Amino acid sequence: MNSQTSTQSNPKSAAAATPGAKTGGAVINRLSKAAGAELLGVDLTGPVSEAVRREIVDALEQHHVLVVRGQKRLGDDEFLGFAAMFGPGEKNFVLNADGTRMNLVHEVHNLDEHGNPAVKPYHNSNFFWHSDKSYREMPTFVTMLQPVELPPDGGDTQFANLLAAYDALPAEKKTAIDGLKVEHSLEHMRKMLDERALTAEEKRDSPPQVHPLVRTHPVTGEKSLYLGMYCARIIGMPEKESRALIDELEAFATQPQFIYTHKWMPGDVIAWDNRWLIHRAMPNFAMEKHRRVLRRTVVKGTEVPA
């Protein structure tokens, strides 16, 4: 099972080939077979009707990634208002380079601790497959981004559909992994990526958590893999065998047919559902020369059902 980089077409081309669904003045176009839809005709800086809000929530549930096009730079209150369509905001547990805690609205970037573009940024983990805060008892539900500074080319974001990946697994593999539990650990990720060690406070705030390897959609009953860089080990399995299985499943789930690659455009605001996706920023630009800065906020999730 080999992991490859997706070769998705430009989102504009994909959208043009797909007739849009229209409700309340908003138009929704599918962006790829794997995941993703764009939303046109909505201004997030102004009031949004209940009908459009419902359409936005339903579109995210259906497509897992929602790209709201043509937006002005959102203020913090406007950004948090968009997030509130999906649920309450979630405080952050990760510290900035200066030791302060991230605000509800904060930046993710490719900068080092001195604010300079770097091949290995201070927060290097953005560039590896993960589901946000899967190391928490109640991992993040929805994540939102809006670009501030983009490189002249590249700096894409990829999303892998773990529902589709599980569905495509051979029946014998599904049987073999049924009921397995995985320890998700922030400390494991830091060690694996050779990032700074956790502080005592971070260890207290974010102890390892055990989640099912296969999780169940609470409404549809669909099954999904639950993977990413925070996966430290499969409970009750020898270390070597555990690592091999985690790596095998991640490689399978990140094949091109399961991936939507988002090529950022000015004015994009993007939201995605962490329950059914893993994602990563792509280092497909001169990271040591160009700044890639995006504003981010997240919505609190719930416990992970088996």
Protein backbone atom coordinates (compact mmCIF):
# COMPACT_ATOMS: atom_id res chain seq x y z
CA MET A 1 0.00 0.00 0.00
CA ASN A 2 1.76 3.14 -1.20
CA SER A 3 1.11 6.78 -0.33
CA GLN A 4 1.27 9.21 -3.25
CA THR A 5 0.64 12.89 -3.80
CA SER A 6 -2.76 13.69 -5.31
CA THR A 7 -2.92 15.37 -8.69
CA GLN A 8 -6.27 17.10 -8.25
CA SER A 9 -7.18 19.66 -10.89
CA ASN A 10 -7.64 23.33 -10.06
CA PRO A 11 -10.76 23.79 -7.89
CA LYS A 12 -12.21 26.26 -10.42
CA SER A 13 -12.07 23.62 -13.16
CA ALA A 14 -13.61 20.98 -10.94
CA ALA A 15 -16.41 23.30 -9.91
CA ALA A 16 -17.15 24.34 -13.47
CA ALA A 17 -17.72 20.72 -14.43
CA THR A 18 -20.26 20.18 -11.65
CA PRO A 19 -23.71 21.80 -11.66
CA GLY A 20 -24.28 23.74 -8.43
CA ALA A 21 -27.02 23.20 -5.90
CA LYS A 22 -28.71 26.49 -5.03
CA THR A 23 -30.50 27.42 -1.82
CA GLY A 24 -31.24 30.86 -0.39
CA GLY A 25 -28.99 32.59 -2.93
CA ALA A 26 -25.99 30.36 -2.15
CA VAL A 27 -24.50 28.03 -4.78
CA ILE A 28 -22.63 24.86 -3.81
CA ASN A 29 -20.33 23.08 -6.28
CA ARG A 30 -18.59 19.77 -5.66
CA LEU A 31 -14.80 20.12 -5.98
CA SER A 32 -13.61 16.52 -6.15
CA LYS A 33 -14.87 12.96 -5.86
CA ALA A 34 -12.91 12.42 -2.64
CA ALA A 35 -14.19 15.45 -0.68
CA GLY A 36 -14.74 19.17 -0.89
CA ALA A 37 -17.31 21.67 -2.11
CA GLU A 38 -17.19 25.40 -2.76
CA LEU A 39 -19.82 27.85 -1.57
CA LEU A 40 -20.55 30.92 -3.68
CA GLY A 41 -22.82 33.88 -3.08
CA VAL A 42 -22.41 34.22 0.69
CA ASP A 43 -20.82 37.14 2.56
CA LEU A 44 -19.54 36.06 5.98
CA THR A 45 -19.00 39.68 7.05
CA GLY A 46 -22.74 40.29 7.09
CA PRO A 47 -25.77 38.57 8.61
CA VAL A 48 -26.52 35.09 7.27
CA SER A 49 -30.10 33.83 7.16
CA GLU A 50 -31.09 30.69 9.02
CA ALA A 51 -31.75 28.95 5.68
CA VAL A 52 -28.21 29.68 4.45
CA ARG A 53 -26.71 28.73 7.83
CA ARG A 54 -28.49 25.38 7.61
CA GLU A 55 -27.23 24.94 4.05
CA ILE A 56 -23.66 25.62 5.20
CA VAL A 57 -23.91 23.09 8.05
CA ASP A 58 -25.47 20.47 5.77
CA ALA A 59 -22.84 21.05 3.07
CA LEU A 60 -20.02 20.44 5.52
CA GLU A 61 -21.68 17.24 6.72
CA GLN A 62 -22.06 16.01 3.15
CA HIS A 63 -18.75 17.13 1.63
CA HIS A 64 -16.48 17.21 4.75
CA VAL A 65 -14.55 20.22 3.37
CA LEU A 66 -16.31 23.51 2.58
CA VAL A 67 -14.58 26.40 0.77
CA VAL A 68 -16.40 29.74 1.05
CA ARG A 69 -15.15 31.83 -1.86
CA GLY A 70 -14.69 35.55 -2.36
CA GLN A 71 -14.52 36.68 1.27
CA LYS A 72 -13.05 39.88 2.60
CA ARG A 73 -10.58 39.64 5.48
CA LEU A 74 -12.77 38.56 8.41
CA GLY A 75 -12.42 40.26 11.75
CA ASP A 76 -12.06 38.04 14.81
CA ASP A 77 -15.74 38.40 15.70
CA GLU A 78 -16.79 37.55 12.13
CA PHE A 79 -14.46 34.55 12.02
CA LEU A 80 -15.78 33.30 15.36
CA GLY A 81 -19.33 33.94 14.14
CA PHE A 82 -18.70 31.59 11.22
CA ALA A 83 -17.30 28.99 13.61
CA ALA A 84 -20.35 29.36 15.87
CA MET A 85 -22.55 28.01 13.04
CA PHE A 86 -21.08 24.59 13.90
CA GLY A 87 -20.71 24.83 17.67
CA PRO A 88 -18.82 26.44 20.55
CA GLY A 89 -15.22 27.52 20.12
CA GLU A 90 -12.41 25.46 21.63
CA LYS A 91 -9.55 26.93 23.62
CA ASN A 92 -6.02 26.04 22.65
CA PHE A 93 -3.51 24.06 24.66
CA VAL A 94 -0.43 24.63 22.48
CA LEU A 95 2.03 27.40 23.34
CA ASN A 96 3.49 30.01 21.02
CA ALA A 97 7.25 30.45 20.66
CA ASP A 98 7.17 33.18 23.34
CA GLY A 99 5.45 30.83 25.82
CA THR A 100 1.99 32.40 25.59
CA ARG A 101 -1.09 30.32 24.85
CA MET A 102 -2.73 30.63 21.43
CA ASN A 103 -5.89 32.77 21.26
CA LEU A 104 -9.20 31.45 19.93
CA VAL A 105 -8.25 33.10 16.62
CA HIS A 106 -4.56 32.59 15.93
CA GLU A 107 -2.10 32.06 13.09
CA VAL A 108 -0.54 28.92 11.65
CA HIS A 109 2.52 29.41 9.49
CA ASN A 110 5.91 28.23 8.24
CA LEU A 111 7.88 30.64 10.46
CA ASP A 112 10.59 29.85 12.99
CA GLU A 113 10.72 31.19 16.55
CA HIS A 114 12.17 34.47 15.21
CA GLY A 115 9.36 35.00 12.68
CA ASN A 116 11.41 34.05 9.61
CA PRO A 117 10.36 31.60 6.87
CA ALA A 118 11.96 28.21 7.55
CA VAL A 119 12.21 24.71 6.09
CA LYS A 120 11.48 23.43 9.61
CA PRO A 121 9.05 25.92 11.19
CA TYR A 122 8.45 26.28 14.90
CA HIS A 123 5.16 24.38 14.47
CA ASN A 124 6.39 21.75 12.02
CA SER A 125 3.50 19.36 12.62
CA ASN A 126 1.19 21.19 10.19
CA PHE A 127 3.05 19.49 7.35
CA PHE A 128 2.23 15.90 8.41
CA TRP A 129 -1.05 13.97 8.16
CA HIS A 130 -3.22 14.48 11.23
CA SER A 131 -6.69 15.07 12.62
CA ASP A 132 -6.68 18.14 14.86
CA LYS A 133 -6.25 17.42 18.57
CA SER A 134 -6.91 13.68 18.25
CA TYR A 135 -4.73 13.43 21.39
CA ARG A 136 -7.59 15.01 23.38
CA GLU A 137 -10.45 13.12 25.04
CA MET A 138 -12.80 15.25 22.93
CA PRO A 139 -10.91 16.06 19.70
CA THR A 140 -11.64 19.10 17.55
CA PHE A 141 -14.83 18.96 15.46
CA VAL A 142 -14.39 21.69 12.81
CA THR A 143 -11.28 23.68 11.87
CA MET A 144 -11.40 26.93 9.89
CA LEU A 145 -8.65 28.77 8.00
CA GLN A 146 -8.36 32.03 6.10
CA PRO A 147 -5.09 32.95 4.32
CA VAL A 148 -3.17 36.07 5.32
CA GLU A 149 0.01 35.56 3.26
CA LEU A 150 0.49 32.89 0.59
CA PRO A 151 3.59 31.87 -1.37
CA PRO A 152 3.52 32.77 -5.09
CA ASP A 153 2.94 29.11 -5.90
CA GLY A 154 2.23 25.96 -3.90
CA GLY A 155 1.53 25.82 -0.18
CA ASP A 156 -1.58 23.71 -0.83
CA THR A 157 -3.58 21.88 1.83
CA GLN A 158 -4.53 18.22 1.37
CA PHE A 159 -7.42 16.29 2.88
CA ALA A 160 -7.78 12.49 2.92
CA ASN A 161 -11.26 10.98 3.30
CA LEU A 162 -11.07 8.27 5.98
CA LEU A 163 -14.68 7.16 5.42
CA ALA A 164 -13.93 6.36 1.78
CA ALA A 165 -10.62 4.73 2.71
CA TYR A 166 -12.25 2.40 5.25
CA ASP A 167 -14.98 1.49 2.77
CA ALA A 168 -12.30 0.51 0.22
CA LEU A 169 -10.40 -1.80 2.60
CA PRO A 170 -10.55 -5.55 1.88
CA ALA A 171 -13.12 -7.36 4.02
CA GLU A 172 -10.42 -9.38 5.79
CA LYS A 173 -8.57 -6.19 6.78
CA LYS A 174 -11.77 -4.70 8.20
CA THR A 175 -12.27 -7.85 10.28
CA ALA A 176 -8.65 -7.78 11.47
CA ILE A 177 -8.81 -4.19 12.75
CA ASP A 178 -12.33 -4.27 14.20
CA GLY A 179 -12.29 -3.37 17.90
CA LEU A 180 -8.65 -2.22 18.01
CA LYS A 181 -7.79 0.79 20.19
CA VAL A 182 -5.06 3.35 19.52
CA GLU A 183 -3.20 5.63 21.93
CA HIS A 184 -3.03 9.19 20.56
CA SER A 185 -0.26 11.24 22.12
CA LEU A 186 0.97 14.83 21.71
CA GLU A 187 4.24 13.80 23.35
CA HIS A 188 4.70 10.98 20.82
CA MET A 189 4.23 13.42 17.94
CA ARG A 190 6.80 15.86 19.37
CA LYS A 191 9.38 13.09 19.73
CA MET A 192 8.66 11.65 16.29
CA LEU A 193 9.09 15.03 14.58
CA ASP A 194 12.01 16.09 16.78
CA GLU A 195 10.11 19.12 18.08
CA ARG A 196 10.57 20.71 21.47
CA ALA A 197 9.63 18.62 24.51
CA LEU A 198 6.31 19.25 26.23
CA THR A 199 6.30 21.51 29.24
CA ALA A 200 4.98 20.15 32.55
CA GLU A 201 1.82 22.21 31.99
CA GLU A 202 1.31 20.77 28.50
CA LYS A 203 1.73 17.25 29.83
CA ARG A 204 -0.93 17.89 32.45
CA ASP A 205 -3.28 19.50 29.90
CA SER A 206 -2.81 16.83 27.21
CA PRO A 207 -2.18 13.32 28.55
CA PRO A 208 -2.38 10.46 25.99
CA GLN A 209 -5.89 9.35 25.05
CA VAL A 210 -7.17 6.02 23.72
CA HIS A 211 -9.59 6.09 20.77
CA PRO A 212 -10.96 3.35 18.48
CA LEU A 213 -8.99 2.69 15.30
CA VAL A 214 -12.35 2.45 13.54
CA ARG A 215 -14.94 5.03 14.60
CA THR A 216 -18.67 5.10 13.78
CA HIS A 217 -20.67 8.02 12.38
CA PRO A 218 -23.28 8.84 15.05
CA VAL A 219 -26.06 9.45 12.51
CA THR A 220 -25.39 7.31 9.42
CA GLY A 221 -23.56 4.42 11.12
CA GLU A 222 -20.77 4.60 8.53
CA LYS A 223 -17.35 3.35 9.60
CA SER A 224 -14.16 5.39 9.34
CA LEU A 225 -10.49 4.96 10.10
CA TYR A 226 -9.11 7.31 12.76
CA LEU A 227 -5.44 7.93 12.09
CA GLY A 228 -2.66 10.51 11.94
CA MET A 229 0.69 11.55 13.35
CA TYR A 230 -0.54 11.45 16.97
CA CYS A 231 -1.06 7.66 16.79
CA ALA A 232 1.58 6.25 19.14
CA ARG A 233 0.61 2.59 19.41
CA ILE A 234 -2.18 0.06 19.12
CA ILE A 235 -3.16 -1.16 22.57
CA GLY A 236 -2.14 -4.75 23.29
CA MET A 237 -0.03 -5.18 20.13
CA PRO A 238 3.78 -5.54 19.98
CA GLU A 239 5.47 -2.24 19.15
CA LYS A 240 6.90 -3.25 15.77
CA GLU A 241 3.65 -4.84 14.60
CA SER A 242 1.66 -1.88 15.90
CA ARG A 243 3.78 0.68 14.05
CA ALA A 244 3.66 -1.35 10.85
CA LEU A 245 -0.15 -1.54 10.90
CA ILE A 246 -0.60 2.17 11.63
CA ASP A 247 1.79 3.09 8.81
CA GLU A 248 0.15 0.62 6.42
CA LEU A 249 -3.33 2.02 7.03
CA GLU A 250 -2.18 5.64 6.72
CA ALA A 251 -0.43 4.88 3.44
CA PHE A 252 -3.60 3.21 2.15
CA ALA A 253 -5.83 6.11 3.26
CA THR A 254 -3.63 8.76 1.61
CA GLN A 255 -3.72 7.33 -1.90
CA PRO A 256 -4.74 9.85 -4.60
CA GLN A 257 -8.31 8.56 -4.96
CA PHE A 258 -9.06 9.52 -1.35
CA ILE A 259 -7.47 12.99 -1.46
CA TYR A 260 -8.76 16.49 -2.18
CA THR A 261 -5.94 18.98 -2.72
CA HIS A 262 -6.94 22.57 -2.02
CA LYS A 263 -5.08 25.20 -4.03
CA TRP A 264 -5.54 28.42 -2.09
CA MET A 265 -7.07 31.48 -3.73
CA PRO A 266 -7.33 34.99 -2.23
CA GLY A 267 -10.67 35.31 -0.45
CA ASP A 268 -11.01 31.64 0.50
CA VAL A 269 -12.33 30.73 3.92
CA ILE A 270 -12.25 26.99 4.50
CA ALA A 271 -13.86 24.71 7.07
CA TRP A 272 -13.42 20.96 7.48
CA ASP A 273 -14.71 18.12 9.63
CA ASN A 274 -11.85 16.50 11.56
CA ARG A 275 -13.92 13.43 12.42
CA TRP A 276 -13.70 11.93 8.94
CA LEU A 277 -10.53 13.47 7.49
CA ILE A 278 -6.83 13.77 8.03
CA HIS A 279 -5.08 16.78 6.53
CA ARG A 280 -1.67 18.36 6.01
CA ALA A 281 -0.12 21.53 4.66
CA MET A 282 2.11 20.81 1.68
CA PRO A 283 5.73 22.00 1.64
CA ASN A 284 5.55 22.35 -2.17
CA PHE A 285 7.09 25.83 -2.18
CA ALA A 286 10.38 27.47 -1.21
CA MET A 287 9.69 27.39 2.53
CA GLU A 288 12.92 29.16 3.42
CA LYS A 289 12.03 32.13 1.15
CA HIS A 290 8.28 32.64 1.25
CA ARG A 291 5.82 33.17 4.10
CA ARG A 292 2.69 31.01 4.38
CA VAL A 293 0.46 32.48 7.10
CA LEU A 294 -3.18 31.59 7.75
CA ARG A 295 -5.65 32.58 10.47
CA ARG A 296 -7.25 29.66 12.29
CA THR A 297 -9.98 28.87 14.77
CA VAL A 298 -11.58 25.58 15.84
CA VAL A 299 -14.88 24.22 17.12
CA LYS A 300 -15.06 21.93 20.14
CA GLY A 301 -15.84 18.28 19.51
CA THR A 302 -17.28 15.39 21.48
CA GLU A 303 -16.05 12.00 22.65
CA VAL A 304 -15.03 9.57 19.91
CA PRO A 305 -17.64 6.81 19.53
CA ALA A 306 -16.54 3.24 18.83
